[in-house]
Amino acid sequence: MRFQLTDDQLALRDGVRGLLSRRFDGEALRAAVDSPGLDRGLWRELGVAGFFALRVPEADGGVGLGLAEAVLVFEEAGRVLLPGPLVATHLAAGVEVGVVEGEVVVAGVDPGGLVEWLDEADVVRGDAAGAVALKSVDPLTPLHRVPGARASDLDPVAVLLTAAEQLGTATRVCELAVQHARTREQFGQPIGAFQAVKHLCAGMLVRAETARAAVYAAAVTADPVDIAAARLLADEAAERGARDCLQVHGGMGFTWEAEVHLHLKRAWVRARRGGGGAESEELLAVDLLA
């Protein structure tokens, strides 16, 4: 059986991509790195666009769509490195007043005790008492950790939306690598003509598309085992893809001015949400042995 996005889903994806390209392009990304802090104006625009209310029923003032549509939206957010506690705020829509409109920022204490954007949050879900600030590798994701936080079960929806963000990064770094390979010349020809570079780009594409199939399938089934597999594949596609993209860029990729290192750092942070992928690995192992 062949699954394809519907016309409405394609329109939603294109609409979100257009909004983000206008409101959070490469120049805005750089400005955010240079001046850290949450853009409340952008946050309200996301609310007006239905970003947080996407899965809230229409009767409750939401858009009334499903998990598959949310995955498409979060993939676009990951593609541009949109900052902020997007997953926690999205999950609080319909529960916390003001979230749907983008007037309220919600942070959440994840099962591993990690809290993103704590100082910017209007509402914190979970016990963040005693949270200690960490030095984040990602300049666009401030972090705190709650010492001695009691582990709890991962929310499968939060895991899947994070996987969708990772998929966005995997797709973007593949695009950046191919663009550079086509334009950068060595020995009188584009570096994309060299077999080693071709192999790097091909591997990035295979991992990204494999992760895409898993993430989209998990959005349809909503099965915790499918979501666990999607998470692991998306984490690998994002992290390895960003590293390989750095290799394609050579020394240029390691400079502060390049976009590539920001994708790698965000991929590292996302991959450690909920204590890392250990729980997903355990869930898959149990299912395979059952």
C-alpha atoms as a PDB file:
ATOM      1  CA  MET A   1       0.000   0.000   0.000  1.00  0.00           C
ATOM      2  CA  ARG A   2       1.285   3.446  -0.882  1.00  0.00           C
ATOM      3  CA  PHE A   3       0.727   6.372   1.477  1.00  0.00           C
ATOM      4  CA  GLN A   4       0.962   9.978   0.339  1.00  0.00           C
ATOM      5  CA  LEU A   5       0.222  13.304   1.981  1.00  0.00           C
ATOM      6  CA  THR A   6      -3.208  14.700   1.190  1.00  0.00           C
ATOM      7  CA  ASP A   7      -3.665  18.036  -0.564  1.00  0.00           C
ATOM      8  CA  ASP A   8      -4.689  19.601   2.751  1.00  0.00           C
ATOM      9  CA  GLN A   9      -1.593  18.253   4.493  1.00  0.00           C
ATOM     10  CA  LEU A  10       0.651  19.546   1.705  1.00  0.00           C
ATOM     11  CA  ALA A  11      -1.021  22.953   1.941  1.00  0.00           C
ATOM     12  CA  LEU A  12      -0.498  22.981   5.717  1.00  0.00           C
ATOM     13  CA  ARG A  13       3.177  22.096   5.359  1.00  0.00           C
ATOM     14  CA  ASP A  14       3.725  24.706   2.659  1.00  0.00           C
ATOM     15  CA  GLY A  15       1.872  27.335   4.666  1.00  0.00           C
ATOM     16  CA  VAL A  16       3.988  26.746   7.758  1.00  0.00           C
ATOM     17  CA  ARG A  17       7.167  26.727   5.677  1.00  0.00           C
ATOM     18  CA  GLY A  18       6.158  30.030   4.118  1.00  0.00           C
ATOM     19  CA  LEU A  19       5.401  31.599   7.496  1.00  0.00           C
ATOM     20  CA  LEU A  20       8.713  30.495   8.953  1.00  0.00           C
ATOM     21  CA  SER A  21      10.689  31.578   5.894  1.00  0.00           C
ATOM     22  CA  ARG A  22       9.244  35.070   6.287  1.00  0.00           C
ATOM     23  CA  ARG A  23       9.436  35.263  10.059  1.00  0.00           C
ATOM     24  CA  PHE A  24      12.465  33.154  10.994  1.00  0.00           C
ATOM     25  CA  ASP A  25      14.907  33.032   8.108  1.00  0.00           C
ATOM     26  CA  GLY A  26      18.677  32.661   8.286  1.00  0.00           C
ATOM     27  CA  GLU A  27      19.142  36.285   9.283  1.00  0.00           C
ATOM     28  CA  ALA A  28      16.651  35.938  12.139  1.00  0.00           C
ATOM     29  CA  LEU A  29      18.375  32.732  13.250  1.00  0.00           C
ATOM     30  CA  ARG A  30      21.679  34.574  13.502  1.00  0.00           C
ATOM     31  CA  ALA A  31      20.048  37.449  15.369  1.00  0.00           C
ATOM     32  CA  ALA A  32      18.578  34.974  17.857  1.00  0.00           C
ATOM     33  CA  VAL A  33      22.018  33.436  18.443  1.00  0.00           C
ATOM     34  CA  ASP A  34      23.588  36.846  19.001  1.00  0.00           C
ATOM     35  CA  SER A  35      20.767  38.039  21.294  1.00  0.00           C
ATOM     36  CA  PRO A  36      19.381  35.018  23.180  1.00  0.00           C
ATOM     37  CA  GLY A  37      15.839  35.182  24.458  1.00  0.00           C
ATOM     38  CA  LEU A  38      12.379  34.153  23.342  1.00  0.00           C
ATOM     39  CA  ASP A  39      10.708  36.347  20.712  1.00  0.00           C
ATOM     40  CA  ARG A  40       7.251  36.836  22.198  1.00  0.00           C
ATOM     41  CA  GLY A  41       6.008  38.486  19.038  1.00  0.00           C
ATOM     42  CA  LEU A  42       6.902  35.412  17.014  1.00  0.00           C
ATOM     43  CA  TRP A  43       5.361  33.201  19.701  1.00  0.00           C
ATOM     44  CA  ARG A  44       2.048  35.072  19.383  1.00  0.00           C
ATOM     45  CA  GLU A  45       2.200  34.756  15.599  1.00  0.00           C
ATOM     46  CA  LEU A  46       2.624  31.005  15.983  1.00  0.00           C
ATOM     47  CA  GLY A  47      -0.446  31.007  18.196  1.00  0.00           C
ATOM     48  CA  VAL A  48      -2.492  32.956  15.665  1.00  0.00           C
ATOM     49  CA  ALA A  49      -1.357  30.534  12.947  1.00  0.00           C
ATOM     50  CA  GLY A  50      -2.671  27.612  15.017  1.00  0.00           C
ATOM     51  CA  PHE A  51       0.703  26.062  15.831  1.00  0.00           C
ATOM     52  CA  PHE A  52      -0.198  25.271  19.435  1.00  0.00           C
ATOM     53  CA  ALA A  53      -3.912  24.625  18.869  1.00  0.00           C
ATOM     54  CA  LEU A  54      -3.437  22.238  15.988  1.00  0.00           C
ATOM     55  CA  ARG A  55      -4.759  19.172  17.840  1.00  0.00           C
ATOM     56  CA  VAL A  56      -7.265  21.007  20.042  1.00  0.00           C
ATOM     57  CA  PRO A  57     -10.876  20.240  18.976  1.00  0.00           C
ATOM     58  CA  GLU A  58     -12.635  22.963  17.011  1.00  0.00           C
ATOM     59  CA  ALA A  59     -15.366  23.057  19.667  1.00  0.00           C
ATOM     60  CA  ASP A  60     -12.705  24.188  22.141  1.00  0.00           C
ATOM     61  CA  GLY A  61     -11.279  26.866  19.873  1.00  0.00           C
ATOM     62  CA  GLY A  62      -8.636  24.756  18.191  1.00  0.00           C
ATOM     63  CA  VAL A  63      -7.868  23.681  14.642  1.00  0.00           C
ATOM     64  CA  GLY A  64      -9.129  20.119  15.134  1.00  0.00           C
ATOM     65  CA  LEU A  65      -6.425  18.272  13.232  1.00  0.00           C
ATOM     66  CA  GLY A  66      -4.472  15.184  14.250  1.00  0.00           C
ATOM     67  CA  LEU A  67      -1.058  13.859  15.108  1.00  0.00           C
ATOM     68  CA  ALA A  68      -0.055  13.433  11.461  1.00  0.00           C
ATOM     69  CA  GLU A  69      -0.541  17.151  10.824  1.00  0.00           C
ATOM     70  CA  ALA A  70       1.318  18.066  14.014  1.00  0.00           C
ATOM     71  CA  VAL A  71       4.285  16.015  12.830  1.00  0.00           C
ATOM     72  CA  LEU A  72       4.413  17.959   9.561  1.00  0.00           C
ATOM     73  CA  VAL A  73       4.377  21.266  11.435  1.00  0.00           C
ATOM     74  CA  PHE A  74       7.080  20.237  13.896  1.00  0.00           C
ATOM     75  CA  GLU A  75       9.232  18.953  11.056  1.00  0.00           C
ATOM     76  CA  GLU A  76       9.179  22.440   9.561  1.00  0.00           C
ATOM     77  CA  ALA A  77      10.031  23.955  12.948  1.00  0.00           C
ATOM     78  CA  GLY A  78      13.020  21.630  13.230  1.00  0.00           C
ATOM     79  CA  ARG A  79      14.119  22.471   9.729  1.00  0.00           C
ATOM     80  CA  VAL A  80      14.654  26.149  10.610  1.00  0.00           C
ATOM     81  CA  LEU A  81      15.800  25.574  14.214  1.00  0.00           C
ATOM     82  CA  LEU A  82      12.817  27.465  15.611  1.00  0.00           C
ATOM     83  CA  PRO A  83      13.659  28.189  19.274  1.00  0.00           C
ATOM     84  CA  GLY A  84      11.454  27.817  22.323  1.00  0.00           C
ATOM     85  CA  PRO A  85       9.717  25.071  24.326  1.00  0.00           C
ATOM     86  CA  LEU A  86       7.545  24.135  21.366  1.00  0.00           C
ATOM     87  CA  VAL A  87       6.658  20.600  22.425  1.00  0.00           C
ATOM     88  CA  ALA A  88       5.773  21.474  26.027  1.00  0.00           C
ATOM     89  CA  THR A  89       3.649  24.436  24.954  1.00  0.00           C
ATOM     90  CA  HIS A  90       1.892  22.460  22.228  1.00  0.00           C
ATOM     91  CA  LEU A  91       1.030  19.693  24.696  1.00  0.00           C
ATOM     92  CA  ALA A  92      -0.430  22.259  27.120  1.00  0.00           C
ATOM     93  CA  ALA A  93      -2.847  23.722  24.546  1.00  0.00           C
ATOM     94  CA  GLY A  94      -6.424  23.266  25.678  1.00  0.00           C
ATOM     95  CA  VAL A  95      -5.232  22.766  29.263  1.00  0.00           C
ATOM     96  CA  GLU A  96      -3.472  26.025  30.160  1.00  0.00           C
ATOM     97  CA  VAL A  97      -5.261  29.316  29.502  1.00  0.00           C
ATOM     98  CA  GLY A  98      -3.572  31.526  26.907  1.00  0.00           C
ATOM     99  CA  VAL A  99      -1.515  28.799  25.236  1.00  0.00           C
ATOM    100  CA  VAL A 100      -3.708  28.532  22.136  1.00  0.00           C
ATOM    101  CA  GLU A 101      -3.313  32.259  21.427  1.00  0.00           C
ATOM    102  CA  GLY A 102       0.447  32.194  21.945  1.00  0.00           C
ATOM    103  CA  GLU A 103       0.221  34.453  24.981  1.00  0.00           C
ATOM    104  CA  VAL A 104       1.627  31.857  27.373  1.00  0.00           C
ATOM    105  CA  VAL A 105       4.931  29.973  27.201  1.00  0.00           C
ATOM    106  CA  VAL A 106       4.987  26.567  28.886  1.00  0.00           C
ATOM    107  CA  ALA A 107       8.067  24.673  30.027  1.00  0.00           C
ATOM    108  CA  GLY A 108       7.957  21.063  31.140  1.00  0.00           C
ATOM    109  CA  VAL A 109      10.127  18.941  33.397  1.00  0.00           C
ATOM    110  CA  ASP A 110      10.883  15.897  31.306  1.00  0.00           C
ATOM    111  CA  PRO A 111      11.280  12.369  32.755  1.00  0.00           C
ATOM    112  CA  GLY A 112      15.049  12.846  32.908  1.00  0.00           C
ATOM    113  CA  GLY A 113      14.748  16.034  34.971  1.00  0.00           C
ATOM    114  CA  LEU A 114      15.730  18.317  32.094  1.00  0.00           C
ATOM    115  CA  VAL A 115      13.860  21.605  31.631  1.00  0.00           C
ATOM    116  CA  GLU A 116      14.187  23.777  28.529  1.00  0.00           C
ATOM    117  CA  TRP A 117      13.516  27.534  28.632  1.00  0.00           C
ATOM    118  CA  LEU A 118      12.651  27.571  32.326  1.00  0.00           C
ATOM    119  CA  ASP A 119      13.431  31.265  32.875  1.00  0.00           C
ATOM    120  CA  GLU A 120      11.228  32.326  29.954  1.00  0.00           C
ATOM    121  CA  ALA A 121       8.226  30.194  30.921  1.00  0.00           C
ATOM    122  CA  ASP A 122       4.969  31.583  32.266  1.00  0.00           C
ATOM    123  CA  VAL A 123       3.858  28.103  33.335  1.00  0.00           C
ATOM    124  CA  VAL A 124       5.976  25.109  34.326  1.00  0.00           C
ATOM    125  CA  ARG A 125       4.426  21.651  34.185  1.00  0.00           C
ATOM    126  CA  GLY A 126       6.057  19.373  36.721  1.00  0.00           C
ATOM    127  CA  ASP A 127       8.082  20.072  39.835  1.00  0.00           C
ATOM    128  CA  ALA A 128      11.022  22.302  38.954  1.00  0.00           C
ATOM    129  CA  ALA A 129      11.938  23.151  42.547  1.00  0.00           C
ATOM    130  CA  GLY A 130      15.690  23.389  42.993  1.00  0.00           C
ATOM    131  CA  ALA A 131      16.398  23.426  39.253  1.00  0.00           C
ATOM    132  CA  VAL A 132      20.018  24.191  38.464  1.00  0.00           C
ATOM    133  CA  ALA A 133      21.085  26.064  35.338  1.00  0.00           C
ATOM    134  CA  LEU A 134      23.263  24.119  32.904  1.00  0.00           C
ATOM    135  CA  LYS A 135      25.656  25.368  30.258  1.00  0.00           C
ATOM    136  CA  SER A 136      23.860  24.308  27.101  1.00  0.00           C
ATOM    137  CA  VAL A 137      25.820  23.281  24.037  1.00  0.00           C
ATOM    138  CA  ASP A 138      23.033  24.842  21.952  1.00  0.00           C
ATOM    139  CA  PRO A 139      23.010  28.652  22.202  1.00  0.00           C
ATOM    140  CA  LEU A 140      19.280  28.634  21.373  1.00  0.00           C
ATOM    141  CA  THR A 141      18.178  26.150  24.062  1.00  0.00           C
ATOM    142  CA  PRO A 142      18.770  27.283  27.660  1.00  0.00           C
ATOM    143  CA  LEU A 143      18.681  24.315  30.020  1.00  0.00           C
ATOM    144  CA  HIS A 144      18.050  23.542  33.680  1.00  0.00           C
ATOM    145  CA  ARG A 145      18.179  20.225  35.473  1.00  0.00           C
ATOM    146  CA  VAL A 146      16.144  19.241  38.513  1.00  0.00           C
ATOM    147  CA  PRO A 147      18.437  17.281  40.874  1.00  0.00           C
ATOM    148  CA  GLY A 148      16.958  14.002  42.025  1.00  0.00           C
ATOM    149  CA  ALA A 149      13.951  14.250  39.720  1.00  0.00           C
ATOM    150  CA  ARG A 150      11.881  11.093  39.830  1.00  0.00           C
ATOM    151  CA  ALA A 151      11.795   9.307  36.505  1.00  0.00           C
ATOM    152  CA  SER A 152       8.374   8.972  34.893  1.00  0.00           C
ATOM    153  CA  ASP A 153       7.056   7.423  31.707  1.00  0.00           C
ATOM    154  CA  LEU A 154       7.733   9.305  28.491  1.00  0.00           C
ATOM    155  CA  ASP A 155       4.775  10.902  26.748  1.00  0.00           C
ATOM    156  CA  PRO A 156       4.670   9.170  23.335  1.00  0.00           C
ATOM    157  CA  VAL A 157       3.346  12.320  21.658  1.00  0.00           C
ATOM    158  CA  ALA A 158       6.242  14.382  23.031  1.00  0.00           C
ATOM    159  CA  VAL A 159       8.668  11.733  21.778  1.00  0.00           C
ATOM    160  CA  LEU A 160       7.128  11.731  18.305  1.00  0.00           C
ATOM    161  CA  LEU A 161       7.082  15.518  17.991  1.00  0.00           C
ATOM    162  CA  THR A 162      10.737  15.608  18.990  1.00  0.00           C
ATOM    163  CA  ALA A 163      11.438  12.968  16.338  1.00  0.00           C
ATOM    164  CA  ALA A 164       9.666  15.210  13.817  1.00  0.00           C
ATOM    165  CA  GLU A 165      11.953  18.107  14.765  1.00  0.00           C
ATOM    166  CA  GLN A 166      14.958  15.818  14.336  1.00  0.00           C
ATOM    167  CA  LEU A 167      13.650  14.836  10.919  1.00  0.00           C
ATOM    168  CA  GLY A 168      13.517  18.525   9.985  1.00  0.00           C
ATOM    169  CA  THR A 169      17.163  18.917  10.918  1.00  0.00           C
ATOM    170  CA  ALA A 170      18.143  15.747   9.035  1.00  0.00           C
ATOM    171  CA  THR A 171      16.445  17.079   5.909  1.00  0.00           C
ATOM    172  CA  ARG A 172      17.971  20.533   6.200  1.00  0.00           C
ATOM    173  CA  VAL A 173      21.562  19.398   6.719  1.00  0.00           C
ATOM    174  CA  CYS A 174      21.244  17.099   3.710  1.00  0.00           C
ATOM    175  CA  GLU A 175      20.127  20.099   1.640  1.00  0.00           C
ATOM    176  CA  LEU A 176      23.016  22.215   2.953  1.00  0.00           C
ATOM    177  CA  ALA A 177      25.554  19.497   2.146  1.00  0.00           C
ATOM    178  CA  VAL A 178      24.286  19.058  -1.411  1.00  0.00           C
ATOM    179  CA  GLN A 179      24.212  22.805  -2.027  1.00  0.00           C
ATOM    180  CA  HIS A 180      27.805  23.143  -0.834  1.00  0.00           C
ATOM    181  CA  ALA A 181      28.962  20.097  -2.810  1.00  0.00           C
ATOM    182  CA  ARG A 182      27.539  21.613  -5.994  1.00  0.00           C
ATOM    183  CA  THR A 183      29.104  25.059  -5.575  1.00  0.00           C
ATOM    184  CA  ARG A 184      32.413  24.504  -3.783  1.00  0.00           C
ATOM    185  CA  GLU A 185      35.237  23.688  -6.202  1.00  0.00           C
ATOM    186  CA  GLN A 186      38.502  21.846  -5.670  1.00  0.00           C
ATOM    187  CA  PHE A 187      41.008  20.984  -8.406  1.00  0.00           C
ATOM    188  CA  GLY A 188      38.831  22.699 -10.989  1.00  0.00           C
ATOM    189  CA  GLN A 189      35.575  20.839 -10.326  1.00  0.00           C
ATOM    190  CA  PRO A 190      32.742  20.811  -7.766  1.00  0.00           C
ATOM    191  CA  ILE A 191      33.595  18.698  -4.712  1.00  0.00           C
ATOM    192  CA  GLY A 192      30.339  16.810  -5.313  1.00  0.00           C
ATOM    193  CA  ALA A 193      32.122  15.091  -8.194  1.00  0.00           C
ATOM    194  CA  PHE A 194      34.378  13.238  -5.745  1.00  0.00           C
ATOM    195  CA  GLN A 195      33.206   9.796  -4.686  1.00  0.00           C
ATOM    196  CA  ALA A 196      33.812  10.323  -0.960  1.00  0.00           C
ATOM    197  CA  VAL A 197      31.555  13.383  -0.934  1.00  0.00           C
ATOM    198  CA  LYS A 198      28.913  11.582  -2.995  1.00  0.00           C
ATOM    199  CA  HIS A 199      28.866   8.765  -0.452  1.00  0.00           C
ATOM    200  CA  LEU A 200      28.449  11.178   2.454  1.00  0.00           C
ATOM    201  CA  CYS A 201      25.518  12.929   0.778  1.00  0.00           C
ATOM    202  CA  ALA A 202      23.902   9.654  -0.252  1.00  0.00           C
ATOM    203  CA  GLY A 203      24.144   8.290   3.279  1.00  0.00           C
ATOM    204  CA  MET A 204      22.547  11.441   4.688  1.00  0.00           C
ATOM    205  CA  LEU A 205      19.653  11.160   2.254  1.00  0.00           C
ATOM    206  CA  VAL A 206      19.057   7.466   2.990  1.00  0.00           C
ATOM    207  CA  ARG A 207      19.000   8.045   6.759  1.00  0.00           C
ATOM    208  CA  ALA A 208      16.702  11.069   6.445  1.00  0.00           C
ATOM    209  CA  GLU A 209      14.202   9.285   4.209  1.00  0.00           C
ATOM    210  CA  THR A 210      14.248   6.153   6.365  1.00  0.00           C
ATOM    211  CA  ALA A 211      13.495   8.313   9.394  1.00  0.00           C
ATOM    212  CA  ARG A 212      10.757  10.121   7.465  1.00  0.00           C
ATOM    213  CA  ALA A 213       8.984   6.850   6.683  1.00  0.00           C
ATOM    214  CA  ALA A 214       9.178   5.799  10.342  1.00  0.00           C
ATOM    215  CA  VAL A 215       8.040   9.164  11.732  1.00  0.00           C
ATOM    216  CA  TYR A 216       5.115   9.492   9.321  1.00  0.00           C
ATOM    217  CA  ALA A 217       4.037   5.891   9.961  1.00  0.00           C
ATOM    218  CA  ALA A 218       4.166   6.398  13.727  1.00  0.00           C
ATOM    219  CA  ALA A 219       2.023   9.517  13.343  1.00  0.00           C
ATOM    220  CA  VAL A 220      -0.646   7.349  11.703  1.00  0.00           C
ATOM    221  CA  THR A 221      -0.518   4.374  14.069  1.00  0.00           C
ATOM    222  CA  ALA A 222       0.338   6.311  17.277  1.00  0.00           C
ATOM    223  CA  ASP A 223       1.722   3.004  18.524  1.00  0.00           C
ATOM    224  CA  PRO A 224       4.356   3.452  21.295  1.00  0.00           C
ATOM    225  CA  VAL A 225       6.633   0.861  19.688  1.00  0.00           C
ATOM    226  CA  ASP A 226       6.438   2.596  16.300  1.00  0.00           C
ATOM    227  CA  ILE A 227       7.147   5.916  18.018  1.00  0.00           C
ATOM    228  CA  ALA A 228      10.168   4.435  19.794  1.00  0.00           C
ATOM    229  CA  ALA A 229      11.592   3.218  16.479  1.00  0.00           C
ATOM    230  CA  ALA A 230      10.901   6.607  14.873  1.00  0.00           C
ATOM    231  CA  ARG A 231      12.699   8.388  17.679  1.00  0.00           C
ATOM    232  CA  LEU A 232      15.856   6.308  17.356  1.00  0.00           C
ATOM    233  CA  LEU A 233      15.966   6.585  13.566  1.00  0.00           C
ATOM    234  CA  ALA A 234      15.324  10.332  13.634  1.00  0.00           C
ATOM    235  CA  ASP A 235      17.986  10.925  16.293  1.00  0.00           C
ATOM    236  CA  GLU A 236      20.524   9.035  14.189  1.00  0.00           C
ATOM    237  CA  ALA A 237      19.531  10.823  10.992  1.00  0.00           C
ATOM    238  CA  ALA A 238      19.860  14.243  12.637  1.00  0.00           C
ATOM    239  CA  GLU A 239      23.080  13.676  14.551  1.00  0.00           C
ATOM    240  CA  ARG A 240      24.965  11.695  11.902  1.00  0.00           C
ATOM    241  CA  GLY A 241      23.585  13.898   9.142  1.00  0.00           C
ATOM    242  CA  ALA A 242      24.822  17.060  10.836  1.00  0.00           C
ATOM    243  CA  ARG A 243      28.260  15.518  11.427  1.00  0.00           C
ATOM    244  CA  ASP A 244      28.512  14.385   7.811  1.00  0.00           C
ATOM    245  CA  CYS A 245      27.380  17.810   6.647  1.00  0.00           C
ATOM    246  CA  LEU A 246      30.273  19.283   8.626  1.00  0.00           C
ATOM    247  CA  GLN A 247      32.614  16.921   6.808  1.00  0.00           C
ATOM    248  CA  VAL A 248      31.287  18.029   3.421  1.00  0.00           C
ATOM    249  CA  HIS A 249      31.833  21.670   4.394  1.00  0.00           C
ATOM    250  CA  GLY A 250      35.353  20.942   5.640  1.00  0.00           C
ATOM    251  CA  GLY A 251      36.974  23.590   7.834  1.00  0.00           C
ATOM    252  CA  MET A 252      34.309  26.085   6.823  1.00  0.00           C
ATOM    253  CA  GLY A 253      31.653  24.015   8.562  1.00  0.00           C
ATOM    254  CA  PHE A 254      33.299  24.423  11.948  1.00  0.00           C
ATOM    255  CA  THR A 255      33.224  28.226  11.857  1.00  0.00           C
ATOM    256  CA  TRP A 256      30.756  30.160  13.992  1.00  0.00           C
ATOM    257  CA  GLU A 257      29.288  31.808  10.887  1.00  0.00           C
ATOM    258  CA  ALA A 258      28.137  28.496   9.416  1.00  0.00           C
ATOM    259  CA  GLU A 259      24.631  27.197  10.077  1.00  0.00           C
ATOM    260  CA  VAL A 260      25.672  23.561  10.230  1.00  0.00           C
ATOM    261  CA  HIS A 261      27.061  23.494  13.763  1.00  0.00           C
ATOM    262  CA  LEU A 262      23.798  24.930  15.119  1.00  0.00           C
ATOM    263  CA  HIS A 263      21.896  21.960  13.691  1.00  0.00           C
ATOM    264  CA  LEU A 264      24.351  19.525  15.261  1.00  0.00           C
ATOM    265  CA  LYS A 265      24.081  21.170  18.670  1.00  0.00           C
ATOM    266  CA  ARG A 266      20.276  21.239  18.577  1.00  0.00           C
ATOM    267  CA  ALA A 267      20.217  17.590  17.491  1.00  0.00           C
ATOM    268  CA  TRP A 268      22.395  16.690  20.490  1.00  0.00           C
ATOM    269  CA  VAL A 269      20.047  18.482  22.889  1.00  0.00           C
ATOM    270  CA  ARG A 270      16.893  16.927  21.417  1.00  0.00           C
ATOM    271  CA  ALA A 271      18.441  13.450  21.512  1.00  0.00           C
ATOM    272  CA  ARG A 272      18.857  13.778  25.279  1.00  0.00           C
ATOM    273  CA  ARG A 273      15.282  14.712  26.050  1.00  0.00           C
ATOM    274  CA  GLY A 274      13.635  12.277  28.401  1.00  0.00           C
ATOM    275  CA  GLY A 275      16.968  10.879  29.476  1.00  0.00           C
ATOM    276  CA  GLY A 276      18.044   9.882  25.962  1.00  0.00           C
ATOM    277  CA  GLY A 277      16.977   6.981  23.788  1.00  0.00           C
ATOM    278  CA  ALA A 278      17.468   4.210  26.362  1.00  0.00           C
ATOM    279  CA  GLU A 279      13.760   3.876  27.130  1.00  0.00           C
ATOM    280  CA  SER A 280      12.915   3.651  23.428  1.00  0.00           C
ATOM    281  CA  GLU A 281      15.571   0.959  22.993  1.00  0.00           C
ATOM    282  CA  GLU A 282      14.153  -0.994  25.935  1.00  0.00           C
ATOM    283  CA  LEU A 283      10.625  -0.714  24.558  1.00  0.00           C
ATOM    284  CA  LEU A 284      11.737  -2.055  21.184  1.00  0.00           C
ATOM    285  CA  ALA A 285      13.719  -4.863  22.807  1.00  0.00           C
ATOM    286  CA  VAL A 286      10.734  -5.982  24.863  1.00  0.00           C
ATOM    287  CA  ASP A 287       8.514  -5.935  21.775  1.00  0.00           C
ATOM    288  CA  LEU A 288      11.004  -7.940  19.728  1.00  0.00           C
ATOM    289  CA  LEU A 289      11.371 -10.568  22.448  1.00  0.00           C
ATOM    290  CA  ALA A 290       7.642 -10.858  23.134  1.00  0.00           C
END
